[in-house]
């Protein structure tokens, strides 16, 4: 099946993942003008009334860029909607998304037919993130256009299955748009995602260490200084298993090797998550995927995309020469 127009003609086959707190209009614009899909969670715009302003600003900036670069137009952007019942803003955020005709919507933590129908009504596409094949089938049954397979090693909320296993299981029955998430911070890893059967790779943690990201310097520097061994998988902070930087857990006064367990009933996305021992997920305890050893310095998002493209092309040429 051919990819939807919004996912075609990207500089490299990549979607920048929406990161709570971190992703803001400045980062999204930098990602899109660099040639990949940029995205942000609607919940990052606070108060809710700010969401419409963000959408206006992003669309205006991309239109201005396109007018100045007709030979190299920007990539489309996406908004992430948390459809879990605890998200009290969903209906208002969805209304803003529809009013602004956001080209790509990423839905998380539940799948709702009415949300998908509202987006389809103006021609938008819906990508739903899943951690296993069962959830993938449910998402498509409820009208999602494509899937984001969140495999082991992904930043933030993540699954435990190997990306190879998860992609193969989904591809046995689904030939639509498939994005793979899981420790992709290098161009060769992006090529591997495509070779495994995905259409695009989902890249998040590497963008934390960019000038445009809404993250404190300590967070950015910890991304640069850390590796896969510094990532801790826990459900304590939000009720959903996710990957977090060990150093941020320790800085919050917690022992990363002796964390309590939580359960899905603890999920609360109305205010972005509950605090644990005074530490709040994403604000104090920082999410990150396992691929960050490829991140060597903090710099502009455009330079990160340049690096990824160079590595992607080099890896593809290397394989072609075999």
C-alpha atoms as a PDB file:
ATOM      1  CA  UNK A   1       0.000   0.000   0.000  1.00  0.00           C
ATOM      2  CA  UNK A   2       1.297   3.454  -0.934  1.00  0.00           C
ATOM      3  CA  UNK A   3       2.027   5.837   1.903  1.00  0.00           C
ATOM      4  CA  UNK A   4      -0.368   8.751   2.453  1.00  0.00           C
ATOM      5  CA  UNK A   5       0.806  11.952   0.793  1.00  0.00           C
ATOM      6  CA  UNK A   6       1.687  13.495   4.165  1.00  0.00           C
ATOM      7  CA  UNK A   7       4.314  10.794   4.743  1.00  0.00           C
ATOM      8  CA  UNK A   8       5.869  10.930   1.282  1.00  0.00           C
ATOM      9  CA  UNK A   9       8.820  12.928  -0.026  1.00  0.00           C
ATOM     10  CA  UNK A  10      10.518  13.317   3.342  1.00  0.00           C
ATOM     11  CA  UNK A  11      14.240  14.024   3.384  1.00  0.00           C
ATOM     12  CA  UNK A  12      14.751  10.782   5.276  1.00  0.00           C
ATOM     13  CA  UNK A  13      12.021   8.320   6.364  1.00  0.00           C
ATOM     14  CA  UNK A  14      11.642   9.740   9.844  1.00  0.00           C
ATOM     15  CA  UNK A  15       9.013  11.087  12.213  1.00  0.00           C
ATOM     16  CA  UNK A  16      10.154  13.056  15.256  1.00  0.00           C
ATOM     17  CA  UNK A  17       8.246  11.696  18.229  1.00  0.00           C
ATOM     18  CA  UNK A  18       6.170  14.010  20.455  1.00  0.00           C
ATOM     19  CA  UNK A  19       7.870  14.381  23.824  1.00  0.00           C
ATOM     20  CA  UNK A  20       6.017  15.658  26.871  1.00  0.00           C
ATOM     21  CA  UNK A  21       7.308  19.101  27.946  1.00  0.00           C
ATOM     22  CA  UNK A  22      10.292  18.866  25.551  1.00  0.00           C
ATOM     23  CA  UNK A  23       8.562  19.270  22.171  1.00  0.00           C
ATOM     24  CA  UNK A  24       7.517  22.864  21.459  1.00  0.00           C
ATOM     25  CA  UNK A  25       6.750  24.939  18.341  1.00  0.00           C
ATOM     26  CA  UNK A  26      10.383  25.979  17.905  1.00  0.00           C
ATOM     27  CA  UNK A  27      11.528  22.353  17.807  1.00  0.00           C
ATOM     28  CA  UNK A  28       8.648  21.251  15.566  1.00  0.00           C
ATOM     29  CA  UNK A  29       9.367  24.019  13.069  1.00  0.00           C
ATOM     30  CA  UNK A  30      13.073  23.115  13.035  1.00  0.00           C
ATOM     31  CA  UNK A  31      12.242  19.454  12.423  1.00  0.00           C
ATOM     32  CA  UNK A  32       9.774  20.174   9.627  1.00  0.00           C
ATOM     33  CA  UNK A  33      12.023  22.672   7.851  1.00  0.00           C
ATOM     34  CA  UNK A  34      14.824  20.102   8.069  1.00  0.00           C
ATOM     35  CA  UNK A  35      12.678  17.672   6.080  1.00  0.00           C
ATOM     36  CA  UNK A  36      11.180  15.274   8.615  1.00  0.00           C
ATOM     37  CA  UNK A  37       7.788  15.167  10.316  1.00  0.00           C
ATOM     38  CA  UNK A  38       7.858  17.231  13.500  1.00  0.00           C
ATOM     39  CA  UNK A  39       5.397  16.674  16.327  1.00  0.00           C
ATOM     40  CA  UNK A  40       4.350  17.718  19.811  1.00  0.00           C
ATOM     41  CA  UNK A  41       1.822  16.540  22.429  1.00  0.00           C
ATOM     42  CA  UNK A  42      -1.227  18.791  22.647  1.00  0.00           C
ATOM     43  CA  UNK A  43      -0.805  18.736  26.432  1.00  0.00           C
ATOM     44  CA  UNK A  44       2.444  20.693  26.090  1.00  0.00           C
ATOM     45  CA  UNK A  45       0.422  23.813  25.273  1.00  0.00           C
ATOM     46  CA  UNK A  46      -0.668  25.151  28.660  1.00  0.00           C
ATOM     47  CA  UNK A  47      -3.162  26.572  29.371  1.00  0.00           C
ATOM     48  CA  UNK A  48      -5.378  24.823  26.833  1.00  0.00           C
ATOM     49  CA  UNK A  49      -6.118  28.108  25.066  1.00  0.00           C
ATOM     50  CA  UNK A  50      -2.479  28.224  23.995  1.00  0.00           C
ATOM     51  CA  UNK A  51      -2.870  25.201  21.711  1.00  0.00           C
ATOM     52  CA  UNK A  52      -4.624  27.200  19.005  1.00  0.00           C
ATOM     53  CA  UNK A  53      -1.888  29.828  19.177  1.00  0.00           C
ATOM     54  CA  UNK A  54       0.790  27.154  18.782  1.00  0.00           C
ATOM     55  CA  UNK A  55      -0.962  25.674  15.772  1.00  0.00           C
ATOM     56  CA  UNK A  56      -1.354  29.099  14.154  1.00  0.00           C
ATOM     57  CA  UNK A  57       2.321  29.862  14.771  1.00  0.00           C
ATOM     58  CA  UNK A  58       3.563  26.551  13.359  1.00  0.00           C
ATOM     59  CA  UNK A  59       1.423  26.793  10.231  1.00  0.00           C
ATOM     60  CA  UNK A  60       2.439  30.401   9.618  1.00  0.00           C
ATOM     61  CA  UNK A  61       6.145  29.628  10.057  1.00  0.00           C
ATOM     62  CA  UNK A  62       6.020  26.641   7.706  1.00  0.00           C
ATOM     63  CA  UNK A  63       4.087  28.590   5.075  1.00  0.00           C
ATOM     64  CA  UNK A  64       6.671  31.376   5.256  1.00  0.00           C
ATOM     65  CA  UNK A  65       9.496  28.852   4.935  1.00  0.00           C
ATOM     66  CA  UNK A  66       7.840  27.153   1.951  1.00  0.00           C
ATOM     67  CA  UNK A  67       7.393  30.471   0.175  1.00  0.00           C
ATOM     68  CA  UNK A  68      11.110  31.158   0.570  1.00  0.00           C
ATOM     69  CA  UNK A  69      12.164  27.584  -0.353  1.00  0.00           C
ATOM     70  CA  UNK A  70       9.817  26.380  -3.112  1.00  0.00           C
ATOM     71  CA  UNK A  71      12.383  23.803  -4.238  1.00  0.00           C
ATOM     72  CA  UNK A  72      12.704  22.310  -0.746  1.00  0.00           C
ATOM     73  CA  UNK A  73       9.376  22.688   1.105  1.00  0.00           C
ATOM     74  CA  UNK A  74       8.907  21.733   4.731  1.00  0.00           C
ATOM     75  CA  UNK A  75       7.586  18.389   5.901  1.00  0.00           C
ATOM     76  CA  UNK A  76       4.138  18.238   7.553  1.00  0.00           C
ATOM     77  CA  UNK A  77       3.694  18.330  11.315  1.00  0.00           C
ATOM     78  CA  UNK A  78       1.772  16.150  13.741  1.00  0.00           C
ATOM     79  CA  UNK A  79      -0.027  16.607  17.042  1.00  0.00           C
ATOM     80  CA  UNK A  80      -0.211  13.872  19.663  1.00  0.00           C
ATOM     81  CA  UNK A  81      -3.545  13.382  21.452  1.00  0.00           C
ATOM     82  CA  UNK A  82      -3.693  11.302  24.634  1.00  0.00           C
ATOM     83  CA  UNK A  83      -7.081   9.591  24.374  1.00  0.00           C
ATOM     84  CA  UNK A  84      -6.967   8.013  27.831  1.00  0.00           C
ATOM     85  CA  UNK A  85     -10.052   8.795  29.925  1.00  0.00           C
ATOM     86  CA  UNK A  86      -7.997  10.799  32.437  1.00  0.00           C
ATOM     87  CA  UNK A  87      -7.172  13.435  29.807  1.00  0.00           C
ATOM     88  CA  UNK A  88      -9.771  16.075  30.604  1.00  0.00           C
ATOM     89  CA  UNK A  89      -8.644  18.228  27.698  1.00  0.00           C
ATOM     90  CA  UNK A  90      -9.194  15.730  24.904  1.00  0.00           C
ATOM     91  CA  UNK A  91     -12.412  17.165  23.500  1.00  0.00           C
ATOM     92  CA  UNK A  92     -11.103  20.743  23.492  1.00  0.00           C
ATOM     93  CA  UNK A  93      -7.768  19.720  22.013  1.00  0.00           C
ATOM     94  CA  UNK A  94      -9.471  17.635  19.341  1.00  0.00           C
ATOM     95  CA  UNK A  95     -11.643  20.624  18.417  1.00  0.00           C
ATOM     96  CA  UNK A  96      -8.522  22.757  17.902  1.00  0.00           C
ATOM     97  CA  UNK A  97      -6.858  20.011  15.842  1.00  0.00           C
ATOM     98  CA  UNK A  98      -9.918  19.773  13.605  1.00  0.00           C
ATOM     99  CA  UNK A  99     -10.282  23.549  13.276  1.00  0.00           C
ATOM    100  CA  UNK A 100      -6.642  23.843  12.172  1.00  0.00           C
ATOM    101  CA  UNK A 101      -6.809  20.715  10.008  1.00  0.00           C
ATOM    102  CA  UNK A 102      -3.624  19.236  11.437  1.00  0.00           C
ATOM    103  CA  UNK A 103      -2.321  16.891   8.707  1.00  0.00           C
ATOM    104  CA  UNK A 104      -1.140  14.076  10.987  1.00  0.00           C
ATOM    105  CA  UNK A 105      -2.510  13.125  14.396  1.00  0.00           C
ATOM    106  CA  UNK A 106      -0.781  10.638  16.678  1.00  0.00           C
ATOM    107  CA  UNK A 107      -3.110   9.006  19.203  1.00  0.00           C
ATOM    108  CA  UNK A 108      -1.891   7.291  22.356  1.00  0.00           C
ATOM    109  CA  UNK A 109      -3.162   5.228  25.290  1.00  0.00           C
ATOM    110  CA  UNK A 110      -6.423   4.069  23.819  1.00  0.00           C
ATOM    111  CA  UNK A 111      -8.156   4.087  20.438  1.00  0.00           C
ATOM    112  CA  UNK A 112     -11.449   5.877  19.771  1.00  0.00           C
ATOM    113  CA  UNK A 113     -13.526   5.691  16.626  1.00  0.00           C
ATOM    114  CA  UNK A 114     -15.055   9.136  17.144  1.00  0.00           C
ATOM    115  CA  UNK A 115     -11.621  10.749  17.353  1.00  0.00           C
ATOM    116  CA  UNK A 116     -10.508   9.016  14.152  1.00  0.00           C
ATOM    117  CA  UNK A 117     -13.709   9.996  12.342  1.00  0.00           C
ATOM    118  CA  UNK A 118     -13.305  13.659  13.322  1.00  0.00           C
ATOM    119  CA  UNK A 119      -9.787  13.722  11.872  1.00  0.00           C
ATOM    120  CA  UNK A 120     -10.757  11.850   8.725  1.00  0.00           C
ATOM    121  CA  UNK A 121     -13.587  14.317   8.115  1.00  0.00           C
ATOM    122  CA  UNK A 122     -11.141  17.044   7.054  1.00  0.00           C
ATOM    123  CA  UNK A 123      -8.645  14.698   5.365  1.00  0.00           C
ATOM    124  CA  UNK A 124      -6.178  14.177   8.206  1.00  0.00           C
ATOM    125  CA  UNK A 125      -4.512  10.844   8.937  1.00  0.00           C
ATOM    126  CA  UNK A 126      -4.238   9.050  12.273  1.00  0.00           C
ATOM    127  CA  UNK A 127      -1.227   7.085  13.465  1.00  0.00           C
ATOM    128  CA  UNK A 128      -1.813   5.142  16.685  1.00  0.00           C
ATOM    129  CA  UNK A 129       1.042   3.973  18.885  1.00  0.00           C
ATOM    130  CA  UNK A 130       0.985   0.384  20.133  1.00  0.00           C
ATOM    131  CA  UNK A 131       3.279  -1.907  22.089  1.00  0.00           C
ATOM    132  CA  UNK A 132       2.009  -5.264  20.815  1.00  0.00           C
ATOM    133  CA  UNK A 133       0.130  -6.942  17.985  1.00  0.00           C
ATOM    134  CA  UNK A 134      -3.148  -7.190  19.906  1.00  0.00           C
ATOM    135  CA  UNK A 135      -3.327  -3.434  20.438  1.00  0.00           C
ATOM    136  CA  UNK A 136      -2.321  -2.923  16.804  1.00  0.00           C
ATOM    137  CA  UNK A 137      -5.329  -4.899  15.564  1.00  0.00           C
ATOM    138  CA  UNK A 138      -7.669  -2.958  17.851  1.00  0.00           C
ATOM    139  CA  UNK A 139      -6.354   0.373  16.590  1.00  0.00           C
ATOM    140  CA  UNK A 140      -6.913  -0.521  12.942  1.00  0.00           C
ATOM    141  CA  UNK A 141     -10.344  -1.979  13.702  1.00  0.00           C
ATOM    142  CA  UNK A 142     -11.300   1.383  15.229  1.00  0.00           C
ATOM    143  CA  UNK A 143     -10.199   3.330  12.182  1.00  0.00           C
ATOM    144  CA  UNK A 144      -6.554   4.333  12.582  1.00  0.00           C
ATOM    145  CA  UNK A 145      -4.765   4.778   9.258  1.00  0.00           C
ATOM    146  CA  UNK A 146      -1.396   3.612  10.468  1.00  0.00           C
ATOM    147  CA  UNK A 147       0.566   2.320  13.426  1.00  0.00           C
ATOM    148  CA  UNK A 148       3.577   3.334  15.465  1.00  0.00           C
ATOM    149  CA  UNK A 149       5.170   0.164  16.821  1.00  0.00           C
ATOM    150  CA  UNK A 150       6.745   1.172  20.128  1.00  0.00           C
ATOM    151  CA  UNK A 151       9.305  -1.555  20.734  1.00  0.00           C
ATOM    152  CA  UNK A 152      11.872  -2.267  23.436  1.00  0.00           C
ATOM    153  CA  UNK A 153      14.338   0.533  24.038  1.00  0.00           C
ATOM    154  CA  UNK A 154      12.062   3.399  23.039  1.00  0.00           C
ATOM    155  CA  UNK A 155      12.054   6.560  25.106  1.00  0.00           C
ATOM    156  CA  UNK A 156       9.155   7.369  27.405  1.00  0.00           C
ATOM    157  CA  UNK A 157       6.296   4.855  27.445  1.00  0.00           C
ATOM    158  CA  UNK A 158       7.612   1.753  25.718  1.00  0.00           C
ATOM    159  CA  UNK A 159       6.972  -1.922  25.163  1.00  0.00           C
ATOM    160  CA  UNK A 160       9.214  -4.913  25.741  1.00  0.00           C
ATOM    161  CA  UNK A 161       9.087  -6.719  22.404  1.00  0.00           C
ATOM    162  CA  UNK A 162      11.978  -6.819  19.973  1.00  0.00           C
ATOM    163  CA  UNK A 163      11.417  -4.414  17.087  1.00  0.00           C
ATOM    164  CA  UNK A 164      12.039  -7.275  14.645  1.00  0.00           C
ATOM    165  CA  UNK A 165       9.383  -9.449  16.259  1.00  0.00           C
ATOM    166  CA  UNK A 166       6.830  -6.656  16.580  1.00  0.00           C
ATOM    167  CA  UNK A 167       7.195  -5.432  12.999  1.00  0.00           C
ATOM    168  CA  UNK A 168       6.987  -8.966  11.590  1.00  0.00           C
ATOM    169  CA  UNK A 169       3.826  -9.783  13.549  1.00  0.00           C
ATOM    170  CA  UNK A 170       2.125  -6.600  12.364  1.00  0.00           C
ATOM    171  CA  UNK A 171       3.261  -7.012   8.770  1.00  0.00           C
ATOM    172  CA  UNK A 172       1.677 -10.478   8.602  1.00  0.00           C
ATOM    173  CA  UNK A 173      -1.733  -8.802   8.329  1.00  0.00           C
ATOM    174  CA  UNK A 174      -1.246  -5.042   7.880  1.00  0.00           C
ATOM    175  CA  UNK A 175       0.287  -3.391   4.812  1.00  0.00           C
ATOM    176  CA  UNK A 176      -0.523   0.208   5.738  1.00  0.00           C
ATOM    177  CA  UNK A 177       1.714   2.931   7.184  1.00  0.00           C
ATOM    178  CA  UNK A 178       3.997   1.551   9.887  1.00  0.00           C
ATOM    179  CA  UNK A 179       6.449   3.601  11.940  1.00  0.00           C
ATOM    180  CA  UNK A 180       8.980   1.872  14.197  1.00  0.00           C
ATOM    181  CA  UNK A 181      10.062   3.304  17.550  1.00  0.00           C
ATOM    182  CA  UNK A 182      12.886   1.912  19.651  1.00  0.00           C
ATOM    183  CA  UNK A 183      16.431   3.228  20.232  1.00  0.00           C
ATOM    184  CA  UNK A 184      16.734   4.961  16.840  1.00  0.00           C
ATOM    185  CA  UNK A 185      19.266   7.767  17.138  1.00  0.00           C
ATOM    186  CA  UNK A 186      21.619   6.882  14.271  1.00  0.00           C
ATOM    187  CA  UNK A 187      21.064   6.840  10.519  1.00  0.00           C
ATOM    188  CA  UNK A 188      22.032   3.170  10.225  1.00  0.00           C
ATOM    189  CA  UNK A 189      19.373   2.312  12.818  1.00  0.00           C
ATOM    190  CA  UNK A 190      16.854   4.225  10.717  1.00  0.00           C
ATOM    191  CA  UNK A 191      17.798   2.152   7.681  1.00  0.00           C
ATOM    192  CA  UNK A 192      17.472  -1.009   9.780  1.00  0.00           C
ATOM    193  CA  UNK A 193      13.924   0.028  10.726  1.00  0.00           C
ATOM    194  CA  UNK A 194      13.010   0.302   7.045  1.00  0.00           C
ATOM    195  CA  UNK A 195      14.783  -2.952   6.203  1.00  0.00           C
ATOM    196  CA  UNK A 196      12.821  -4.729   8.932  1.00  0.00           C
ATOM    197  CA  UNK A 197       9.533  -3.816   7.253  1.00  0.00           C
ATOM    198  CA  UNK A 198       8.627  -0.417   8.688  1.00  0.00           C
ATOM    199  CA  UNK A 199       8.011   2.561   6.421  1.00  0.00           C
ATOM    200  CA  UNK A 200       9.577   5.129   8.735  1.00  0.00           C
ATOM    201  CA  UNK A 201      11.523   5.406  11.966  1.00  0.00           C
ATOM    202  CA  UNK A 202      10.366   7.282  15.078  1.00  0.00           C
ATOM    203  CA  UNK A 203      13.100   9.428  16.621  1.00  0.00           C
ATOM    204  CA  UNK A 204      12.722  11.198  19.950  1.00  0.00           C
ATOM    205  CA  UNK A 205      15.491  11.122  22.549  1.00  0.00           C
ATOM    206  CA  UNK A 206      18.190  12.457  20.237  1.00  0.00           C
ATOM    207  CA  UNK A 207      16.144  15.645  19.801  1.00  0.00           C
ATOM    208  CA  UNK A 208      16.216  16.324  23.529  1.00  0.00           C
ATOM    209  CA  UNK A 209      19.863  17.333  23.109  1.00  0.00           C
ATOM    210  CA  UNK A 210      19.072  20.113  20.643  1.00  0.00           C
ATOM    211  CA  UNK A 211      19.090  23.866  21.093  1.00  0.00           C
ATOM    212  CA  UNK A 212      15.385  24.157  20.298  1.00  0.00           C
ATOM    213  CA  UNK A 213      14.164  21.522  22.768  1.00  0.00           C
ATOM    214  CA  UNK A 214      12.335  22.722  25.869  1.00  0.00           C
ATOM    215  CA  UNK A 215      14.625  20.908  28.281  1.00  0.00           C
ATOM    216  CA  UNK A 216      16.973  22.177  30.968  1.00  0.00           C
ATOM    217  CA  UNK A 217      20.694  22.017  30.239  1.00  0.00           C
ATOM    218  CA  UNK A 218      21.155  19.268  32.805  1.00  0.00           C
ATOM    219  CA  UNK A 219      18.725  17.064  30.905  1.00  0.00           C
ATOM    220  CA  UNK A 220      20.370  17.732  27.556  1.00  0.00           C
ATOM    221  CA  UNK A 221      23.837  17.076  28.962  1.00  0.00           C
ATOM    222  CA  UNK A 222      22.696  13.864  30.630  1.00  0.00           C
ATOM    223  CA  UNK A 223      21.486  12.621  27.238  1.00  0.00           C
ATOM    224  CA  UNK A 224      24.950  13.315  25.809  1.00  0.00           C
ATOM    225  CA  UNK A 225      26.768  11.686  28.719  1.00  0.00           C
ATOM    226  CA  UNK A 226      24.577   8.563  29.001  1.00  0.00           C
ATOM    227  CA  UNK A 227      24.255   5.233  27.212  1.00  0.00           C
ATOM    228  CA  UNK A 228      21.892   2.259  27.133  1.00  0.00           C
ATOM    229  CA  UNK A 229      23.106   1.012  30.507  1.00  0.00           C
ATOM    230  CA  UNK A 230      21.882   4.270  32.051  1.00  0.00           C
ATOM    231  CA  UNK A 231      18.240   3.657  31.116  1.00  0.00           C
ATOM    232  CA  UNK A 232      15.778   2.282  33.691  1.00  0.00           C
ATOM    233  CA  UNK A 233      12.448   0.664  32.746  1.00  0.00           C
ATOM    234  CA  UNK A 234       9.705   1.301  35.303  1.00  0.00           C
ATOM    235  CA  UNK A 235       5.944   1.809  35.644  1.00  0.00           C
ATOM    236  CA  UNK A 236       6.236   3.703  38.936  1.00  0.00           C
ATOM    237  CA  UNK A 237       6.004   7.249  37.628  1.00  0.00           C
ATOM    238  CA  UNK A 238       2.889   7.147  35.429  1.00  0.00           C
ATOM    239  CA  UNK A 239       1.357   3.697  35.861  1.00  0.00           C
ATOM    240  CA  UNK A 240       2.628   2.727  32.394  1.00  0.00           C
ATOM    241  CA  UNK A 241       6.055   1.202  31.818  1.00  0.00           C
ATOM    242  CA  UNK A 242       8.551   3.632  30.396  1.00  0.00           C
ATOM    243  CA  UNK A 243      12.274   4.255  30.027  1.00  0.00           C
ATOM    244  CA  UNK A 244      13.978   6.902  32.144  1.00  0.00           C
ATOM    245  CA  UNK A 245      17.468   8.242  32.748  1.00  0.00           C
ATOM    246  CA  UNK A 246      19.052   6.650  35.802  1.00  0.00           C
ATOM    247  CA  UNK A 247      20.775   9.885  36.777  1.00  0.00           C
ATOM    248  CA  UNK A 248      17.496  11.790  36.971  1.00  0.00           C
ATOM    249  CA  UNK A 249      15.965   9.116  39.192  1.00  0.00           C
ATOM    250  CA  UNK A 250      18.941   9.310  41.530  1.00  0.00           C
ATOM    251  CA  UNK A 251      18.804  13.121  41.563  1.00  0.00           C
ATOM    252  CA  UNK A 252      15.178  12.851  42.685  1.00  0.00           C
ATOM    253  CA  UNK A 253      16.254  10.909  45.784  1.00  0.00           C
ATOM    254  CA  UNK A 254      15.109   7.503  44.541  1.00  0.00           C
ATOM    255  CA  UNK A 255      17.028   4.258  44.104  1.00  0.00           C
ATOM    256  CA  UNK A 256      16.714   3.206  40.444  1.00  0.00           C
ATOM    257  CA  UNK A 257      17.530  -0.384  41.363  1.00  0.00           C
ATOM    258  CA  UNK A 258      14.768  -0.622  43.968  1.00  0.00           C
ATOM    259  CA  UNK A 259      11.728   1.140  42.552  1.00  0.00           C
ATOM    260  CA  UNK A 260       8.223   0.166  43.595  1.00  0.00           C
ATOM    261  CA  UNK A 261       5.692  -0.993  41.028  1.00  0.00           C
ATOM    262  CA  UNK A 262       2.509   0.764  40.046  1.00  0.00           C
ATOM    263  CA  UNK A 263      -0.494  -0.245  37.943  1.00  0.00           C
ATOM    264  CA  UNK A 264      -2.565   1.189  35.071  1.00  0.00           C
ATOM    265  CA  UNK A 265      -5.139   2.632  37.493  1.00  0.00           C
ATOM    266  CA  UNK A 266      -2.481   5.171  38.503  1.00  0.00           C
ATOM    267  CA  UNK A 267      -2.530   6.769  35.057  1.00  0.00           C
ATOM    268  CA  UNK A 268      -3.527  10.408  35.219  1.00  0.00           C
ATOM    269  CA  UNK A 269      -2.894  12.583  32.183  1.00  0.00           C
ATOM    270  CA  UNK A 270      -5.156  15.428  33.218  1.00  0.00           C
ATOM    271  CA  UNK A 271      -2.186  17.211  34.718  1.00  0.00           C
ATOM    272  CA  UNK A 272       0.581  15.317  33.009  1.00  0.00           C
ATOM    273  CA  UNK A 273       1.082  12.639  35.648  1.00  0.00           C
ATOM    274  CA  UNK A 274       1.303  12.291  39.394  1.00  0.00           C
ATOM    275  CA  UNK A 275       4.380  12.899  41.513  1.00  0.00           C
ATOM    276  CA  UNK A 276       6.241  10.132  43.300  1.00  0.00           C
ATOM    277  CA  UNK A 277       8.117  11.104  46.434  1.00  0.00           C
ATOM    278  CA  UNK A 278       8.074  14.702  45.241  1.00  0.00           C
ATOM    279  CA  UNK A 279       9.464  13.756  41.818  1.00  0.00           C
ATOM    280  CA  UNK A 280       7.284  14.175  38.743  1.00  0.00           C
ATOM    281  CA  UNK A 281       7.634  12.158  35.571  1.00  0.00           C
ATOM    282  CA  UNK A 282       9.108  14.112  32.639  1.00  0.00           C
ATOM    283  CA  UNK A 283       9.762  17.232  34.746  1.00  0.00           C
ATOM    284  CA  UNK A 284      12.074  15.705  37.373  1.00  0.00           C
ATOM    285  CA  UNK A 285      12.437  12.112  36.196  1.00  0.00           C
ATOM    286  CA  UNK A 286      13.526  12.361  32.579  1.00  0.00           C
ATOM    287  CA  UNK A 287      12.509   9.978  29.820  1.00  0.00           C
ATOM    288  CA  UNK A 288      15.005   8.626  27.311  1.00  0.00           C
ATOM    289  CA  UNK A 289      15.446   5.728  24.929  1.00  0.00           C
ATOM    290  CA  UNK A 290      18.378   3.339  24.792  1.00  0.00           C
ATOM    291  CA  UNK A 291      19.936   4.696  21.595  1.00  0.00           C
ATOM    292  CA  UNK A 292      21.452   7.832  23.090  1.00  0.00           C
ATOM    293  CA  UNK A 293      25.083   6.711  22.915  1.00  0.00           C
ATOM    294  CA  UNK A 294      24.921   8.049  19.342  1.00  0.00           C
ATOM    295  CA  UNK A 295      24.290  11.563  20.689  1.00  0.00           C
ATOM    296  CA  UNK A 296      27.672  13.220  21.202  1.00  0.00           C
ATOM    297  CA  UNK A 297      26.833  16.906  21.679  1.00  0.00           C
ATOM    298  CA  UNK A 298      24.053  19.445  22.047  1.00  0.00           C
ATOM    299  CA  UNK A 299      23.363  21.410  18.880  1.00  0.00           C
ATOM    300  CA  UNK A 300      20.731  22.635  16.416  1.00  0.00           C
ATOM    301  CA  UNK A 301      18.006  20.213  15.350  1.00  0.00           C
ATOM    302  CA  UNK A 302      18.968  20.850  11.726  1.00  0.00           C
ATOM    303  CA  UNK A 303      22.470  19.528  12.386  1.00  0.00           C
ATOM    304  CA  UNK A 304      21.017  16.389  13.963  1.00  0.00           C
ATOM    305  CA  UNK A 305      18.933  15.759  10.842  1.00  0.00           C
ATOM    306  CA  UNK A 306      22.037  16.405   8.700  1.00  0.00           C
ATOM    307  CA  UNK A 307      23.902  13.761  10.701  1.00  0.00           C
ATOM    308  CA  UNK A 308      21.075  11.251  10.470  1.00  0.00           C
ATOM    309  CA  UNK A 309      20.820  11.732   6.712  1.00  0.00           C
ATOM    310  CA  UNK A 310      24.569  11.273   6.236  1.00  0.00           C
ATOM    311  CA  UNK A 311      24.594   8.106   8.312  1.00  0.00           C
ATOM    312  CA  UNK A 312      21.487   6.794   6.546  1.00  0.00           C
ATOM    313  CA  UNK A 313      22.967   7.319   3.081  1.00  0.00           C
ATOM    314  CA  UNK A 314      26.313   5.848   4.113  1.00  0.00           C
ATOM    315  CA  UNK A 315      24.640   2.737   5.545  1.00  0.00           C
ATOM    316  CA  UNK A 316      22.527   2.281   2.422  1.00  0.00           C
ATOM    317  CA  UNK A 317      25.571   2.613   0.157  1.00  0.00           C
ATOM    318  CA  UNK A 318      27.532   0.172   2.303  1.00  0.00           C
ATOM    319  CA  UNK A 319      24.823  -2.449   1.965  1.00  0.00           C
ATOM    320  CA  UNK A 320      24.470  -1.840  -1.775  1.00  0.00           C
ATOM    321  CA  UNK A 321      28.168  -2.593  -2.168  1.00  0.00           C
ATOM    322  CA  UNK A 322      27.923  -6.025  -0.543  1.00  0.00           C
END
